[in-house]
């Protein structure tokens, strides 16, 4: 594993056209690239192709990185790798948001802007649900799917204190920024029902009984499903 000063020197060399420095950076950071691209397995793309896409994103990170950013290079590289893979998936037709969700998102966004202009604050999920005669969890799903301002990943809690994603407990690691990005993508990759359970339980604060009523199953089933989902997430998140 490279020291920070070694990484910095290799980046400088690579930015000046040193191909050996680029190769060494990719080789030394292969575990990072692999940890990012594994989120996209099962999307109909060969693993080797995913890895190549990850490397393209990593090389873009090398090219565009500035030491004035005051962040670790690995922190900067992760979203670049993610972006490269997602751009390919989007352009190739794999990532789609249904027309219904897009339509709902547009209407909700217009309402949010109007509400902010009139009242000087952002409406709560419950306010939006009441306005559009929707279930709160469906509002969360639409906002999340369409990456709207109230997204659980980019928005703030009801007091405006911190990103809502921070409400999901996670272990302290050497690089919390990378962990948060990986956790965000892991949640997005869950099947719709599993994601709804996590959203309702950990972001809406719903009880297992409330979630059971919403999904039309028993509390015992929700308990089992939740334990399974959390177990899978934990195993996936800590994979080397």
Protein backbone atom coordinates (compact mmCIF):
# COMPACT_ATOMS: atom_id res chain seq x y z
CA UNK A 1 0.00 0.00 0.00
CA UNK A 2 1.41 3.36 -1.01
CA UNK A 3 2.08 6.11 1.50
CA UNK A 4 0.37 9.44 0.87
CA UNK A 5 3.64 11.07 -0.18
CA UNK A 6 4.34 8.22 -2.62
CA UNK A 7 0.86 8.55 -4.08
CA UNK A 8 1.31 12.30 -4.44
CA UNK A 9 4.60 11.89 -6.29
CA UNK A 10 3.15 9.28 -8.65
CA UNK A 11 0.18 11.55 -9.40
CA UNK A 12 2.54 14.40 -10.28
CA UNK A 13 4.52 12.12 -12.58
CA UNK A 14 1.36 10.70 -14.17
CA UNK A 15 -0.06 14.16 -14.80
CA UNK A 16 3.15 14.94 -16.68
CA UNK A 17 2.68 11.94 -18.95
CA UNK A 18 4.59 9.20 -17.12
CA UNK A 19 2.83 6.00 -18.21
CA UNK A 20 4.68 3.84 -15.68
CA UNK A 21 3.40 6.06 -12.87
CA UNK A 22 -0.17 5.66 -14.16
CA UNK A 23 0.23 1.90 -14.31
CA UNK A 24 1.62 1.74 -10.78
CA UNK A 25 -1.22 3.89 -9.43
CA UNK A 26 -3.79 1.62 -11.06
CA UNK A 27 -2.06 -1.52 -9.78
CA UNK A 28 -1.77 -0.22 -6.23
CA UNK A 29 -5.37 1.01 -6.23
CA UNK A 30 -6.90 -2.06 -7.87
CA UNK A 31 -8.65 -3.07 -4.59
CA UNK A 32 -10.33 0.35 -4.45
CA UNK A 33 -11.48 0.13 -8.08
CA UNK A 34 -12.81 -3.40 -7.55
CA UNK A 35 -14.66 -2.41 -4.38
CA UNK A 36 -16.50 0.28 -6.34
CA UNK A 37 -17.39 -1.72 -9.45
CA UNK A 38 -18.70 -4.75 -7.54
CA UNK A 39 -21.87 -2.72 -6.87
CA UNK A 40 -22.71 -3.05 -10.55
CA UNK A 41 -22.48 -6.81 -10.92
CA UNK A 42 -25.59 -8.39 -12.34
CA UNK A 43 -26.31 -5.47 -14.68
CA UNK A 44 -25.50 -7.46 -17.80
CA UNK A 45 -21.89 -6.31 -18.11
CA UNK A 46 -18.87 -8.61 -17.96
CA UNK A 47 -16.68 -8.09 -14.91
CA UNK A 48 -13.62 -7.34 -17.04
CA UNK A 49 -15.57 -4.62 -18.85
CA UNK A 50 -16.66 -3.16 -15.52
CA UNK A 51 -13.06 -3.13 -14.36
CA UNK A 52 -11.95 -1.36 -17.54
CA UNK A 53 -14.64 1.27 -16.99
CA UNK A 54 -13.45 1.67 -13.42
CA UNK A 55 -9.90 2.17 -14.65
CA UNK A 56 -11.07 4.82 -17.11
CA UNK A 57 -12.74 6.69 -14.26
CA UNK A 58 -9.63 6.27 -12.13
CA UNK A 59 -7.41 7.69 -14.88
CA UNK A 60 -9.75 10.68 -15.18
CA UNK A 61 -9.36 11.17 -11.44
CA UNK A 62 -5.57 11.21 -11.85
CA UNK A 63 -5.80 13.73 -14.68
CA UNK A 64 -8.18 16.10 -12.91
CA UNK A 65 -6.95 15.81 -9.32
CA UNK A 66 -5.49 18.89 -7.69
CA UNK A 67 -3.62 18.97 -4.40
CA UNK A 68 -5.50 22.19 -3.68
CA UNK A 69 -8.68 20.12 -3.22
CA UNK A 70 -7.51 19.29 0.32
CA UNK A 71 -8.95 15.77 0.18
CA UNK A 72 -7.37 12.35 -0.10
CA UNK A 73 -6.91 11.22 -3.68
CA UNK A 74 -8.91 8.04 -2.97
CA UNK A 75 -11.82 10.16 -1.74
CA UNK A 76 -11.75 12.10 -5.00
CA UNK A 77 -11.33 8.98 -7.13
CA UNK A 78 -14.37 7.04 -5.88
CA UNK A 79 -17.08 9.31 -7.38
CA UNK A 80 -15.08 9.54 -10.60
CA UNK A 81 -15.06 5.73 -10.89
CA UNK A 82 -18.75 5.53 -10.00
CA UNK A 83 -19.57 8.26 -12.49
CA UNK A 84 -17.80 6.53 -15.35
CA UNK A 85 -19.64 3.24 -14.80
CA UNK A 86 -23.01 4.93 -14.28
CA UNK A 87 -22.53 7.06 -17.38
CA UNK A 88 -21.97 3.92 -19.43
CA UNK A 89 -24.98 2.20 -17.91
CA UNK A 90 -27.18 5.23 -18.46
CA UNK A 91 -26.05 5.78 -22.04
CA UNK A 92 -26.40 2.08 -22.78
CA UNK A 93 -29.96 2.04 -21.48
CA UNK A 94 -29.55 0.09 -18.27
CA UNK A 95 -30.42 2.79 -15.76
CA UNK A 96 -33.89 4.17 -16.31
CA UNK A 97 -36.43 6.01 -14.23
CA UNK A 98 -39.97 5.25 -15.29
CA UNK A 99 -42.06 7.95 -16.92
CA UNK A 100 -44.49 7.81 -14.01
CA UNK A 101 -41.74 8.45 -11.48
CA UNK A 102 -40.36 11.28 -13.62
CA UNK A 103 -43.82 12.83 -13.88
CA UNK A 104 -44.44 12.53 -10.14
CA UNK A 105 -40.98 13.93 -9.41
CA UNK A 106 -41.60 16.95 -11.64
CA UNK A 107 -44.90 17.71 -9.90
CA UNK A 108 -43.35 17.29 -6.46
CA UNK A 109 -40.40 19.48 -7.38
CA UNK A 110 -42.72 22.25 -8.54
CA UNK A 111 -44.65 21.98 -5.27
CA UNK A 112 -41.42 22.11 -3.23
CA UNK A 113 -40.31 25.28 -5.00
CA UNK A 114 -43.72 26.91 -4.54
CA UNK A 115 -43.80 25.92 -0.86
CA UNK A 116 -40.32 27.34 -0.29
CA UNK A 117 -41.19 30.60 -2.02
CA UNK A 118 -44.39 31.04 -0.02
CA UNK A 119 -43.26 29.82 3.40
CA UNK A 120 -39.51 30.16 3.33
CA UNK A 121 -38.90 26.56 4.30
CA UNK A 122 -38.84 23.10 2.77
CA UNK A 123 -42.00 20.97 3.10
CA UNK A 124 -41.75 17.73 5.05
CA UNK A 125 -42.34 14.37 3.43
CA UNK A 126 -45.71 14.25 5.21
CA UNK A 127 -46.65 17.65 3.74
CA UNK A 128 -45.84 16.40 0.25
CA UNK A 129 -47.69 13.12 0.80
CA UNK A 130 -50.82 14.98 1.91
CA UNK A 131 -50.65 17.38 -1.03
CA UNK A 132 -50.47 14.59 -3.61
CA UNK A 133 -52.53 11.97 -1.77
CA UNK A 134 -49.55 9.63 -1.66
CA UNK A 135 -48.12 7.36 0.98
CA UNK A 136 -45.03 8.89 2.65
CA UNK A 137 -42.84 5.97 1.64
CA UNK A 138 -43.86 6.48 -2.00
CA UNK A 139 -42.82 10.13 -1.77
CA UNK A 140 -39.43 9.05 -0.45
CA UNK A 141 -39.13 6.50 -3.25
CA UNK A 142 -39.95 9.05 -5.96
CA UNK A 143 -37.58 11.66 -4.56
CA UNK A 144 -34.80 9.13 -4.19
CA UNK A 145 -35.29 7.57 -7.62
CA UNK A 146 -35.31 10.93 -9.35
CA UNK A 147 -32.46 12.34 -7.22
CA UNK A 148 -34.51 15.33 -6.17
CA UNK A 149 -33.41 17.96 -3.59
CA UNK A 150 -35.04 16.01 -0.76
CA UNK A 151 -33.10 12.87 -1.64
CA UNK A 152 -32.04 10.93 1.43
CA UNK A 153 -28.50 11.10 0.10
CA UNK A 154 -28.22 14.82 -0.53
CA UNK A 155 -30.86 16.49 1.62
CA UNK A 156 -30.93 17.35 5.30
CA UNK A 157 -33.00 16.13 8.19
CA UNK A 158 -36.10 17.98 9.38
CA UNK A 159 -33.98 20.37 11.45
CA UNK A 160 -31.68 21.09 8.55
CA UNK A 161 -28.72 19.87 10.56
CA UNK A 162 -27.03 17.24 8.44
CA UNK A 163 -27.43 15.01 5.38
CA UNK A 164 -30.16 12.44 5.96
CA UNK A 165 -27.81 9.64 4.92
CA UNK A 166 -25.89 10.31 8.14
CA UNK A 167 -28.81 8.88 10.13
CA UNK A 168 -27.87 5.36 9.05
CA UNK A 169 -25.35 4.06 11.61
CA UNK A 170 -22.00 2.98 10.25
CA UNK A 171 -18.60 2.09 11.70
CA UNK A 172 -15.87 4.70 11.79
CA UNK A 173 -13.25 3.95 9.15
CA UNK A 174 -10.10 5.60 7.93
CA UNK A 175 -12.02 7.20 5.14
CA UNK A 176 -15.64 7.95 6.06
CA UNK A 177 -16.28 9.81 2.81
CA UNK A 178 -15.60 6.69 0.74
CA UNK A 179 -17.72 4.58 3.08
CA UNK A 180 -20.65 6.97 2.73
CA UNK A 181 -20.45 6.89 -1.05
CA UNK A 182 -20.29 3.10 -1.05
CA UNK A 183 -23.16 2.83 1.44
CA UNK A 184 -25.29 5.18 -0.63
CA UNK A 185 -24.73 3.10 -3.74
CA UNK A 186 -25.39 -0.13 -1.84
CA UNK A 187 -28.79 1.15 -0.67
CA UNK A 188 -29.66 2.22 -4.20
CA UNK A 189 -28.80 -1.24 -5.51
CA UNK A 190 -31.31 -3.00 -3.23
CA UNK A 191 -34.49 -4.48 -4.72
CA UNK A 192 -37.45 -2.11 -4.39
CA UNK A 193 -39.09 -3.90 -1.45
CA UNK A 194 -35.84 -4.23 0.48
CA UNK A 195 -35.00 -0.59 -0.11
CA UNK A 196 -38.45 0.49 1.07
CA UNK A 197 -37.98 -1.47 4.29
CA UNK A 198 -34.64 0.23 4.96
CA UNK A 199 -36.02 3.67 4.07
CA UNK A 200 -39.05 3.25 6.30
CA UNK A 201 -37.21 1.71 9.24
CA UNK A 202 -34.06 3.83 9.29
CA UNK A 203 -35.02 7.09 7.61
CA UNK A 204 -38.72 7.44 8.43
CA UNK A 205 -38.43 5.86 11.88
CA UNK A 206 -41.37 3.51 11.24
CA UNK A 207 -41.87 0.53 13.54
CA UNK A 208 -41.83 -3.00 12.18
CA UNK A 209 -45.60 -3.17 12.70
CA UNK A 210 -46.10 0.03 10.68
CA UNK A 211 -43.90 -1.27 7.88
CA UNK A 212 -45.79 -4.56 7.94
CA UNK A 213 -49.11 -2.75 7.46
CA UNK A 214 -47.72 -0.67 4.60
CA UNK A 215 -46.34 -3.69 2.77
CA UNK A 216 -49.22 -6.00 3.62
CA UNK A 217 -47.22 -8.62 5.49
CA UNK A 218 -46.81 -9.68 9.11
CA UNK A 219 -44.50 -8.07 11.65
CA UNK A 220 -42.63 -11.37 11.95
CA UNK A 221 -41.95 -11.33 8.20
CA UNK A 222 -40.66 -7.76 8.38
CA UNK A 223 -38.37 -8.72 11.26
CA UNK A 224 -36.93 -11.60 9.25
CA UNK A 225 -36.62 -9.54 6.10
CA UNK A 226 -34.93 -6.68 7.93
CA UNK A 227 -32.40 -8.99 9.55
CA UNK A 228 -31.68 -10.61 6.19
CA UNK A 229 -31.26 -7.27 4.40
CA UNK A 230 -28.99 -5.84 7.08
CA UNK A 231 -26.92 -9.02 7.09
CA UNK A 232 -26.49 -8.87 3.32
CA UNK A 233 -25.64 -5.17 3.44
CA UNK A 234 -23.07 -5.72 6.16
CA UNK A 235 -21.42 -8.58 4.28
CA UNK A 236 -21.38 -6.61 1.03
CA UNK A 237 -20.12 -3.44 2.67
CA UNK A 238 -17.15 -5.05 4.41
CA UNK A 239 -15.99 -7.19 1.47
CA UNK A 240 -12.29 -6.67 0.76
